Amino acid sequence: MNKEKNKIPLDGVTLEHIVVSLSEHYGWDALGKRIEIRCFTSDPSIKSCLTFLRKTPWARKKVENLYLATQKKGWKDLYKK
């Protein structure tokens, strides 16, 4: 059973939680520099980001990967860089 949980690291984590967590941690400017998509750089909001990311699989994947990397290394470690 534990092996199944490890295969799905984002199970139970909503896209809204991911975007809110990343925007609070990095801020919109830094987030836009890490992932260069307009929803982070041009008048960003949670609502506009969610709308865009739900319709754009490649962008959603980048955001999910950044979230996972941040979780893996820990919020504080990445904040210092």
N, C-alpha and C. Protein backbone atom coordinates (compact mmCIF):
# COMPACT_ATOMS: atom_id res chain seq x y z
N MET A 1 0.81 -1.19 0.00
CA MET A 1 0.00 0.00 0.00
C MET A 1 0.86 1.27 0.00
N ASN A 2 1.96 1.28 0.75
CA ASN A 2 2.85 2.44 0.77
C ASN A 2 3.48 2.68 -0.59
N LYS A 3 3.74 1.59 -1.33
CA LYS A 3 4.33 1.74 -2.65
C LYS A 3 3.39 2.49 -3.58
N GLU A 4 2.09 2.26 -3.45
CA GLU A 4 1.12 2.95 -4.29
C GLU A 4 1.09 4.44 -3.97
N LYS A 5 1.21 4.80 -2.72
CA LYS A 5 1.22 6.22 -2.34
C LYS A 5 2.43 6.93 -2.91
N ASN A 6 3.57 6.27 -2.93
CA ASN A 6 4.79 6.87 -3.45
C ASN A 6 4.72 7.11 -4.96
N LYS A 7 3.92 6.35 -5.65
CA LYS A 7 3.79 6.50 -7.10
C LYS A 7 2.95 7.73 -7.48
N ILE A 8 2.10 8.17 -6.56
CA ILE A 8 1.23 9.30 -6.83
C ILE A 8 1.52 10.39 -5.79
N PRO A 9 2.58 11.16 -5.99
CA PRO A 9 2.99 12.13 -4.96
C PRO A 9 2.03 13.30 -4.76
N LEU A 10 1.21 13.62 -5.75
CA LEU A 10 0.29 14.75 -5.64
C LEU A 10 -1.13 14.30 -5.31
N ASP A 11 -1.30 13.04 -4.94
CA ASP A 11 -2.63 12.53 -4.62
C ASP A 11 -3.19 13.29 -3.41
N GLY A 12 -4.34 13.91 -3.60
CA GLY A 12 -4.98 14.65 -2.52
C GLY A 12 -4.58 16.11 -2.43
N VAL A 13 -3.63 16.53 -3.25
CA VAL A 13 -3.18 17.93 -3.25
C VAL A 13 -3.87 18.63 -4.42
N THR A 14 -4.61 19.68 -4.12
CA THR A 14 -5.33 20.39 -5.18
C THR A 14 -4.40 21.35 -5.91
N LEU A 15 -4.77 21.67 -7.12
CA LEU A 15 -4.01 22.64 -7.90
C LEU A 15 -4.03 23.99 -7.20
N GLU A 16 -5.14 24.33 -6.61
CA GLU A 16 -5.24 25.60 -5.89
C GLU A 16 -4.24 25.64 -4.73
N HIS A 17 -4.12 24.56 -3.99
CA HIS A 17 -3.15 24.50 -2.89
C HIS A 17 -1.73 24.68 -3.42
N ILE A 18 -1.43 24.06 -4.54
CA ILE A 18 -0.09 24.16 -5.12
C ILE A 18 0.21 25.61 -5.49
N VAL A 19 -0.71 26.26 -6.20
CA VAL A 19 -0.49 27.64 -6.64
C VAL A 19 -0.39 28.59 -5.46
N VAL A 20 -1.27 28.43 -4.49
CA VAL A 20 -1.24 29.30 -3.30
C VAL A 20 0.08 29.11 -2.55
N SER A 21 0.49 27.87 -2.35
CA SER A 21 1.72 27.59 -1.62
C SER A 21 2.94 28.18 -2.33
N LEU A 22 3.01 27.99 -3.64
CA LEU A 22 4.15 28.51 -4.39
C LEU A 22 4.16 30.03 -4.43
N SER A 23 2.98 30.64 -4.59
CA SER A 23 2.93 32.11 -4.64
C SER A 23 3.27 32.72 -3.29
N GLU A 24 2.86 32.08 -2.22
CA GLU A 24 3.21 32.58 -0.89
C GLU A 24 4.69 32.40 -0.59
N HIS A 25 5.24 31.29 -1.04
CA HIS A 25 6.64 31.00 -0.77
C HIS A 25 7.59 31.86 -1.60
N TYR A 26 7.38 31.89 -2.90
CA TYR A 26 8.29 32.60 -3.80
C TYR A 26 7.87 34.03 -4.06
N GLY A 27 6.59 34.30 -4.05
CA GLY A 27 6.06 35.58 -4.52
C GLY A 27 5.87 35.48 -6.03
N TRP A 28 5.00 36.32 -6.56
CA TRP A 28 4.68 36.24 -8.00
C TRP A 28 5.88 36.54 -8.88
N ASP A 29 6.69 37.54 -8.52
CA ASP A 29 7.84 37.89 -9.35
C ASP A 29 8.83 36.74 -9.47
N ALA A 30 9.21 36.17 -8.35
CA ALA A 30 10.17 35.06 -8.36
C ALA A 30 9.58 33.82 -9.02
N LEU A 31 8.30 33.60 -8.82
CA LEU A 31 7.64 32.46 -9.44
C LEU A 31 7.62 32.63 -10.97
N GLY A 32 7.37 33.85 -11.41
CA GLY A 32 7.39 34.14 -12.84
C GLY A 32 8.77 33.98 -13.47
N LYS A 33 9.81 34.19 -12.67
CA LYS A 33 11.18 33.98 -13.18
C LYS A 33 11.53 32.50 -13.23
N ARG A 34 11.01 31.73 -12.31
CA ARG A 34 11.27 30.29 -12.29
C ARG A 34 10.49 29.56 -13.39
N ILE A 35 9.24 29.96 -13.58
CA ILE A 35 8.39 29.38 -14.62
C ILE A 35 7.84 30.54 -15.42
N GLU A 36 8.36 30.75 -16.59
CA GLU A 36 8.00 31.91 -17.40
C GLU A 36 6.70 31.68 -18.17
N ILE A 37 5.60 31.91 -17.48
CA ILE A 37 4.29 31.87 -18.12
C ILE A 37 3.54 33.13 -17.71
N ARG A 38 2.72 33.64 -18.60
CA ARG A 38 2.08 34.95 -18.40
C ARG A 38 1.19 35.02 -17.17
N CYS A 39 0.60 33.91 -16.79
CA CYS A 39 -0.31 33.98 -15.64
C CYS A 39 0.46 34.30 -14.36
N PHE A 40 1.78 34.12 -14.35
CA PHE A 40 2.60 34.49 -13.20
C PHE A 40 3.24 35.87 -13.36
N THR A 41 3.35 36.36 -14.57
CA THR A 41 4.09 37.60 -14.80
C THR A 41 3.21 38.80 -15.14
N SER A 42 2.04 38.56 -15.71
CA SER A 42 1.19 39.66 -16.13
C SER A 42 -0.10 39.69 -15.31
N ASP A 43 -0.17 40.59 -14.34
CA ASP A 43 -1.33 40.75 -13.47
C ASP A 43 -1.78 39.41 -12.87
N PRO A 44 -0.90 38.76 -12.09
CA PRO A 44 -1.20 37.42 -11.58
C PRO A 44 -2.28 37.41 -10.49
N SER A 45 -3.05 36.37 -10.50
CA SER A 45 -4.03 36.10 -9.44
C SER A 45 -4.21 34.59 -9.37
N ILE A 46 -4.68 34.13 -8.26
CA ILE A 46 -4.92 32.70 -8.09
C ILE A 46 -5.93 32.22 -9.13
N LYS A 47 -7.01 32.97 -9.29
CA LYS A 47 -8.08 32.57 -10.21
C LYS A 47 -7.58 32.47 -11.65
N SER A 48 -6.82 33.48 -12.11
CA SER A 48 -6.34 33.44 -13.50
C SER A 48 -5.33 32.32 -13.71
N CYS A 49 -4.50 32.07 -12.70
CA CYS A 49 -3.53 30.98 -12.81
C CYS A 49 -4.22 29.62 -12.87
N LEU A 50 -5.22 29.43 -12.03
CA LEU A 50 -5.94 28.16 -12.04
C LEU A 50 -6.64 27.92 -13.37
N THR A 51 -7.25 28.96 -13.91
CA THR A 51 -7.92 28.85 -15.20
C THR A 51 -6.94 28.44 -16.28
N PHE A 52 -5.79 29.11 -16.33
CA PHE A 52 -4.78 28.81 -17.35
C PHE A 52 -4.20 27.42 -17.16
N LEU A 53 -3.83 27.08 -15.93
CA LEU A 53 -3.17 25.79 -15.68
C LEU A 53 -4.09 24.61 -15.92
N ARG A 54 -5.37 24.78 -15.69
CA ARG A 54 -6.32 23.69 -15.95
C ARG A 54 -6.49 23.42 -17.45
N LYS A 55 -6.24 24.43 -18.27
CA LYS A 55 -6.39 24.28 -19.72
C LYS A 55 -5.08 23.97 -20.42
N THR A 56 -3.94 24.07 -19.71
CA THR A 56 -2.63 23.96 -20.34
C THR A 56 -1.79 22.90 -19.62
N PRO A 57 -1.84 21.66 -20.09
CA PRO A 57 -1.15 20.57 -19.40
C PRO A 57 0.36 20.76 -19.23
N TRP A 58 1.05 21.31 -20.23
CA TRP A 58 2.50 21.46 -20.10
C TRP A 58 2.86 22.46 -19.01
N ALA A 59 2.07 23.52 -18.86
CA ALA A 59 2.34 24.51 -17.82
C ALA A 59 2.00 23.93 -16.44
N ARG A 60 0.91 23.20 -16.37
CA ARG A 60 0.54 22.58 -15.10
C ARG A 60 1.62 21.62 -14.63
N LYS A 61 2.19 20.87 -15.55
CA LYS A 61 3.26 19.93 -15.22
C LYS A 61 4.47 20.66 -14.65
N LYS A 62 4.82 21.80 -15.24
CA LYS A 62 5.95 22.58 -14.73
C LYS A 62 5.69 23.07 -13.30
N VAL A 63 4.48 23.52 -13.05
CA VAL A 63 4.11 24.00 -11.72
C VAL A 63 4.13 22.85 -10.72
N GLU A 64 3.57 21.71 -11.12
CA GLU A 64 3.57 20.55 -10.23
C GLU A 64 4.99 20.09 -9.93
N ASN A 65 5.86 20.10 -10.93
CA ASN A 65 7.25 19.69 -10.73
C ASN A 65 7.98 20.64 -9.79
N LEU A 66 7.73 21.94 -9.92
CA LEU A 66 8.36 22.90 -9.01
C LEU A 66 7.85 22.67 -7.58
N TYR A 67 6.58 22.42 -7.43
CA TYR A 67 6.00 22.15 -6.11
C TYR A 67 6.64 20.91 -5.49
N LEU A 68 6.76 19.84 -6.28
CA LEU A 68 7.37 18.61 -5.77
C LEU A 68 8.83 18.82 -5.39
N ALA A 69 9.56 19.55 -6.22
CA ALA A 69 10.97 19.83 -5.92
C ALA A 69 11.09 20.66 -4.66
N THR A 70 10.20 21.60 -4.49
CA THR A 70 10.20 22.45 -3.31
C THR A 70 9.89 21.62 -2.07
N GLN A 71 8.93 20.73 -2.19
CA GLN A 71 8.58 19.86 -1.07
C GLN A 71 9.73 18.91 -0.72
N LYS A 72 10.39 18.41 -1.74
CA LYS A 72 11.47 17.44 -1.53
C LYS A 72 12.66 18.08 -0.81
N LYS A 73 13.01 19.29 -1.22
CA LYS A 73 14.16 19.97 -0.62
C LYS A 73 13.78 20.73 0.64
N GLY A 74 12.53 21.01 0.80
CA GLY A 74 12.07 21.77 1.96
C GLY A 74 11.93 23.23 1.60
N TRP A 75 10.89 23.85 2.11
CA TRP A 75 10.59 25.24 1.78
C TRP A 75 11.74 26.16 2.17
N LYS A 76 12.31 26.00 3.32
CA LYS A 76 13.33 26.91 3.81
C LYS A 76 14.60 26.84 2.98
N ASP A 77 15.02 25.62 2.58
CA ASP A 77 16.24 25.48 1.80
C ASP A 77 16.15 26.21 0.47
N LEU A 78 15.04 26.08 -0.22
CA LEU A 78 14.90 26.72 -1.52
C LEU A 78 14.72 28.22 -1.39
N TYR A 79 14.18 28.67 -0.30
CA TYR A 79 13.97 30.10 -0.10
C TYR A 79 15.30 30.83 0.01
N LYS A 80 16.31 30.19 0.56
CA LYS A 80 17.62 30.82 0.76
C LYS A 80 18.37 31.01 -0.54
N LYS A 81 18.07 30.22 -1.56
CA LYS A 81 18.82 30.29 -2.82
C LYS A 81 18.43 31.47 -3.63
